[in-house]
Amino acid sequence: MGTVDVIPRRYAPAPMAEPTVRDIDALWGPATPQFAYQIADRIEALIADLPAGHPVRRLGELRLADLDELGHGTTKGPPQTPTH
């Protein structure tokens, strides 16, 4: 059998730009209790590679806390622990 020629890719995927505050706000803004955990997963993935202390990471972590609180209002969220 002959060899297979490999054609170089002309259009390699561009590297993802560093996430911005606008990216976080675009995901977080329309959040509803029903979708809070799905949105939180997306924000977690977006900030995963940012160093600790990065302003966008800090905002993302704040928004994750907000989404967790929002998600507790649904029956699909993790069970709440009593606070008293």
N, C-alpha and C. Protein backbone atom coordinates (compact mmCIF):
# COMPACT_ATOMS: atom_id res chain seq x y z
N MET A 1 0.83 -1.17 0.00
CA MET A 1 0.00 0.00 0.00
C MET A 1 0.88 1.24 0.00
N GLY A 2 0.36 2.28 -0.58
CA GLY A 2 1.10 3.54 -0.65
C GLY A 2 0.95 4.34 0.64
N THR A 3 1.72 5.40 0.72
CA THR A 3 1.64 6.25 1.90
C THR A 3 0.51 7.26 1.72
N VAL A 4 0.01 7.73 2.81
CA VAL A 4 -1.07 8.72 2.79
C VAL A 4 -0.44 10.09 2.95
N ASP A 5 -0.75 10.97 2.01
CA ASP A 5 -0.25 12.33 2.13
C ASP A 5 -1.08 13.08 3.16
N VAL A 6 -0.40 13.79 4.03
CA VAL A 6 -1.09 14.59 5.03
C VAL A 6 -1.08 16.03 4.55
N ILE A 7 -2.26 16.57 4.43
CA ILE A 7 -2.39 17.96 3.99
C ILE A 7 -2.37 18.85 5.22
N PRO A 8 -1.49 19.83 5.24
CA PRO A 8 -1.44 20.71 6.42
C PRO A 8 -2.74 21.52 6.54
N ARG A 9 -3.15 21.75 7.76
CA ARG A 9 -4.36 22.54 7.99
C ARG A 9 -4.04 24.01 7.81
N ARG A 10 -4.79 24.65 6.97
CA ARG A 10 -4.61 26.09 6.76
C ARG A 10 -5.31 26.89 7.85
N TYR A 11 -6.37 26.33 8.35
CA TYR A 11 -7.20 27.08 9.28
C TYR A 11 -7.23 26.40 10.64
N ALA A 12 -6.13 26.47 11.33
CA ALA A 12 -6.06 25.90 12.67
C ALA A 12 -6.90 26.77 13.60
N PRO A 13 -7.52 26.18 14.61
CA PRO A 13 -8.31 26.98 15.53
C PRO A 13 -7.44 28.03 16.21
N ALA A 14 -7.98 29.21 16.32
CA ALA A 14 -7.26 30.30 16.97
C ALA A 14 -7.24 30.04 18.48
N PRO A 15 -6.16 30.42 19.13
CA PRO A 15 -6.14 30.26 20.58
C PRO A 15 -7.23 31.13 21.21
N MET A 16 -7.82 30.63 22.28
CA MET A 16 -8.88 31.37 22.94
C MET A 16 -8.29 32.60 23.63
N ALA A 17 -8.96 33.71 23.45
CA ALA A 17 -8.52 34.93 24.10
C ALA A 17 -8.74 34.82 25.61
N GLU A 18 -7.97 35.57 26.36
CA GLU A 18 -8.15 35.58 27.81
C GLU A 18 -9.54 36.09 28.15
N PRO A 19 -10.24 35.41 29.07
CA PRO A 19 -11.59 35.84 29.42
C PRO A 19 -11.60 37.25 30.00
N THR A 20 -12.70 37.93 29.81
CA THR A 20 -12.85 39.30 30.29
C THR A 20 -14.03 39.39 31.26
N VAL A 21 -14.12 40.53 31.91
CA VAL A 21 -15.26 40.81 32.80
C VAL A 21 -16.55 40.72 31.99
N ARG A 22 -16.53 41.20 30.77
CA ARG A 22 -17.73 41.14 29.91
C ARG A 22 -18.15 39.69 29.66
N ASP A 23 -17.19 38.79 29.49
CA ASP A 23 -17.52 37.38 29.28
C ASP A 23 -18.25 36.81 30.50
N ILE A 24 -17.74 37.13 31.69
CA ILE A 24 -18.37 36.65 32.92
C ILE A 24 -19.78 37.22 33.03
N ASP A 25 -19.90 38.53 32.83
CA ASP A 25 -21.20 39.18 32.95
C ASP A 25 -22.19 38.69 31.90
N ALA A 26 -21.71 38.37 30.71
CA ALA A 26 -22.60 37.86 29.66
C ALA A 26 -23.20 36.51 30.04
N LEU A 27 -22.43 35.69 30.74
CA LEU A 27 -22.94 34.40 31.20
C LEU A 27 -23.83 34.56 32.43
N TRP A 28 -23.41 35.38 33.36
CA TRP A 28 -24.08 35.51 34.65
C TRP A 28 -25.37 36.32 34.56
N GLY A 29 -25.41 37.33 33.72
CA GLY A 29 -26.54 38.26 33.66
C GLY A 29 -27.90 37.62 33.51
N PRO A 30 -28.11 36.72 32.55
CA PRO A 30 -29.45 36.17 32.36
C PRO A 30 -29.74 34.92 33.20
N ALA A 31 -28.97 34.69 34.24
CA ALA A 31 -29.13 33.46 35.03
C ALA A 31 -30.49 33.39 35.70
N THR A 32 -31.05 32.20 35.68
CA THR A 32 -32.30 31.90 36.40
C THR A 32 -32.01 30.72 37.32
N PRO A 33 -32.84 30.52 38.34
CA PRO A 33 -32.58 29.40 39.25
C PRO A 33 -32.47 28.06 38.53
N GLN A 34 -33.26 27.87 37.49
CA GLN A 34 -33.25 26.58 36.79
C GLN A 34 -31.94 26.30 36.08
N PHE A 35 -31.22 27.34 35.67
CA PHE A 35 -29.99 27.16 34.90
C PHE A 35 -28.74 27.63 35.64
N ALA A 36 -28.88 27.93 36.92
CA ALA A 36 -27.75 28.48 37.68
C ALA A 36 -26.53 27.55 37.66
N TYR A 37 -26.76 26.25 37.81
CA TYR A 37 -25.61 25.33 37.89
C TYR A 37 -24.96 25.09 36.53
N GLN A 38 -25.73 25.13 35.46
CA GLN A 38 -25.14 24.99 34.13
C GLN A 38 -24.29 26.22 33.81
N ILE A 39 -24.79 27.40 34.18
CA ILE A 39 -24.02 28.62 33.95
C ILE A 39 -22.77 28.63 34.82
N ALA A 40 -22.90 28.15 36.05
CA ALA A 40 -21.74 28.07 36.94
C ALA A 40 -20.66 27.18 36.35
N ASP A 41 -21.06 26.07 35.74
CA ASP A 41 -20.07 25.18 35.10
C ASP A 41 -19.33 25.91 33.99
N ARG A 42 -20.03 26.72 33.23
CA ARG A 42 -19.38 27.46 32.14
C ARG A 42 -18.42 28.51 32.68
N ILE A 43 -18.82 29.19 33.73
CA ILE A 43 -17.93 30.20 34.33
C ILE A 43 -16.70 29.52 34.93
N GLU A 44 -16.89 28.38 35.59
CA GLU A 44 -15.75 27.65 36.15
C GLU A 44 -14.75 27.28 35.06
N ALA A 45 -15.25 26.81 33.93
CA ALA A 45 -14.37 26.44 32.83
C ALA A 45 -13.66 27.67 32.27
N LEU A 46 -14.36 28.79 32.25
CA LEU A 46 -13.79 30.02 31.69
C LEU A 46 -12.63 30.55 32.54
N ILE A 47 -12.74 30.43 33.86
CA ILE A 47 -11.71 30.99 34.74
C ILE A 47 -10.68 29.98 35.21
N ALA A 48 -10.84 28.73 34.82
CA ALA A 48 -9.99 27.65 35.35
C ALA A 48 -8.49 27.90 35.16
N ASP A 49 -8.09 28.48 34.05
CA ASP A 49 -6.66 28.67 33.78
C ASP A 49 -6.12 30.01 34.24
N LEU A 50 -6.96 30.84 34.81
CA LEU A 50 -6.49 32.15 35.28
C LEU A 50 -5.81 32.00 36.63
N PRO A 51 -4.75 32.76 36.87
CA PRO A 51 -4.05 32.66 38.16
C PRO A 51 -4.90 33.22 39.30
N ALA A 52 -4.62 32.74 40.51
CA ALA A 52 -5.29 33.28 41.70
C ALA A 52 -5.00 34.77 41.78
N GLY A 53 -6.00 35.53 42.13
CA GLY A 53 -5.82 36.97 42.25
C GLY A 53 -6.09 37.73 40.96
N HIS A 54 -6.25 37.04 39.85
CA HIS A 54 -6.57 37.71 38.58
C HIS A 54 -7.94 38.36 38.74
N PRO A 55 -8.10 39.61 38.31
CA PRO A 55 -9.38 40.31 38.50
C PRO A 55 -10.58 39.58 37.89
N VAL A 56 -10.41 38.97 36.74
CA VAL A 56 -11.52 38.25 36.11
C VAL A 56 -11.83 36.98 36.90
N ARG A 57 -10.80 36.33 37.41
CA ARG A 57 -11.03 35.14 38.24
C ARG A 57 -11.77 35.51 39.51
N ARG A 58 -11.37 36.61 40.15
CA ARG A 58 -12.04 37.04 41.38
C ARG A 58 -13.52 37.34 41.12
N LEU A 59 -13.81 38.04 40.01
CA LEU A 59 -15.20 38.31 39.67
C LEU A 59 -15.95 37.00 39.40
N GLY A 60 -15.32 36.10 38.67
CA GLY A 60 -15.94 34.81 38.39
C GLY A 60 -16.27 34.05 39.65
N GLU A 61 -15.37 34.09 40.62
CA GLU A 61 -15.62 33.40 41.89
C GLU A 61 -16.78 34.04 42.65
N LEU A 62 -16.89 35.36 42.60
CA LEU A 62 -18.03 36.04 43.22
C LEU A 62 -19.33 35.63 42.54
N ARG A 63 -19.30 35.59 41.21
CA ARG A 63 -20.50 35.20 40.46
C ARG A 63 -20.87 33.74 40.71
N LEU A 64 -19.87 32.89 40.92
CA LEU A 64 -20.14 31.48 41.23
C LEU A 64 -20.90 31.38 42.57
N ALA A 65 -20.50 32.19 43.53
CA ALA A 65 -21.20 32.19 44.83
C ALA A 65 -22.64 32.67 44.64
N ASP A 66 -22.83 33.70 43.82
CA ASP A 66 -24.18 34.20 43.54
C ASP A 66 -25.03 33.11 42.88
N LEU A 67 -24.43 32.41 41.92
CA LEU A 67 -25.16 31.36 41.22
C LEU A 67 -25.50 30.19 42.14
N ASP A 68 -24.60 29.88 43.06
CA ASP A 68 -24.88 28.81 44.01
C ASP A 68 -26.08 29.18 44.87
N GLU A 69 -26.11 30.42 45.33
CA GLU A 69 -27.25 30.90 46.13
C GLU A 69 -28.53 30.87 45.30
N LEU A 70 -28.45 31.30 44.07
CA LEU A 70 -29.60 31.31 43.18
C LEU A 70 -30.09 29.89 42.92
N GLY A 71 -29.17 28.97 42.71
CA GLY A 71 -29.53 27.58 42.43
C GLY A 71 -30.19 26.86 43.59
N HIS A 72 -29.93 27.31 44.79
CA HIS A 72 -30.56 26.67 45.96
C HIS A 72 -32.06 26.89 45.98
N GLY A 73 -32.54 27.81 45.17
CA GLY A 73 -33.98 28.07 45.11
C GLY A 73 -34.73 27.05 44.27
N THR A 74 -34.03 26.09 43.69
CA THR A 74 -34.69 25.09 42.86
C THR A 74 -34.61 23.73 43.54
N THR A 75 -35.41 22.82 43.07
CA THR A 75 -35.35 21.46 43.61
C THR A 75 -34.22 20.67 42.98
N LYS A 76 -33.59 21.22 41.94
CA LYS A 76 -32.52 20.49 41.26
C LYS A 76 -31.15 20.80 41.84
N GLY A 77 -31.05 21.80 42.70
CA GLY A 77 -29.77 22.16 43.28
C GLY A 77 -29.39 21.22 44.41
N PRO A 78 -28.13 21.30 44.84
CA PRO A 78 -27.70 20.48 45.97
C PRO A 78 -28.53 20.83 47.21
N PRO A 79 -28.73 19.88 48.11
CA PRO A 79 -29.52 20.16 49.32
C PRO A 79 -28.85 21.22 50.18
N GLN A 80 -29.67 22.06 50.77
CA GLN A 80 -29.15 23.09 51.67
C GLN A 80 -28.95 22.49 53.05
N THR A 81 -27.93 22.99 53.74
CA THR A 81 -27.71 22.58 55.11
C THR A 81 -28.32 23.63 56.02
N PRO A 82 -28.94 23.23 57.11
CA PRO A 82 -29.55 24.21 58.02
C PRO A 82 -28.51 25.16 58.56
N THR A 83 -28.87 26.42 58.71
CA THR A 83 -27.93 27.42 59.20
C THR A 83 -28.14 27.75 60.66
N HIS A 84 -29.15 27.15 61.30
CA HIS A 84 -29.37 27.47 62.72
C HIS A 84 -29.21 26.29 63.59
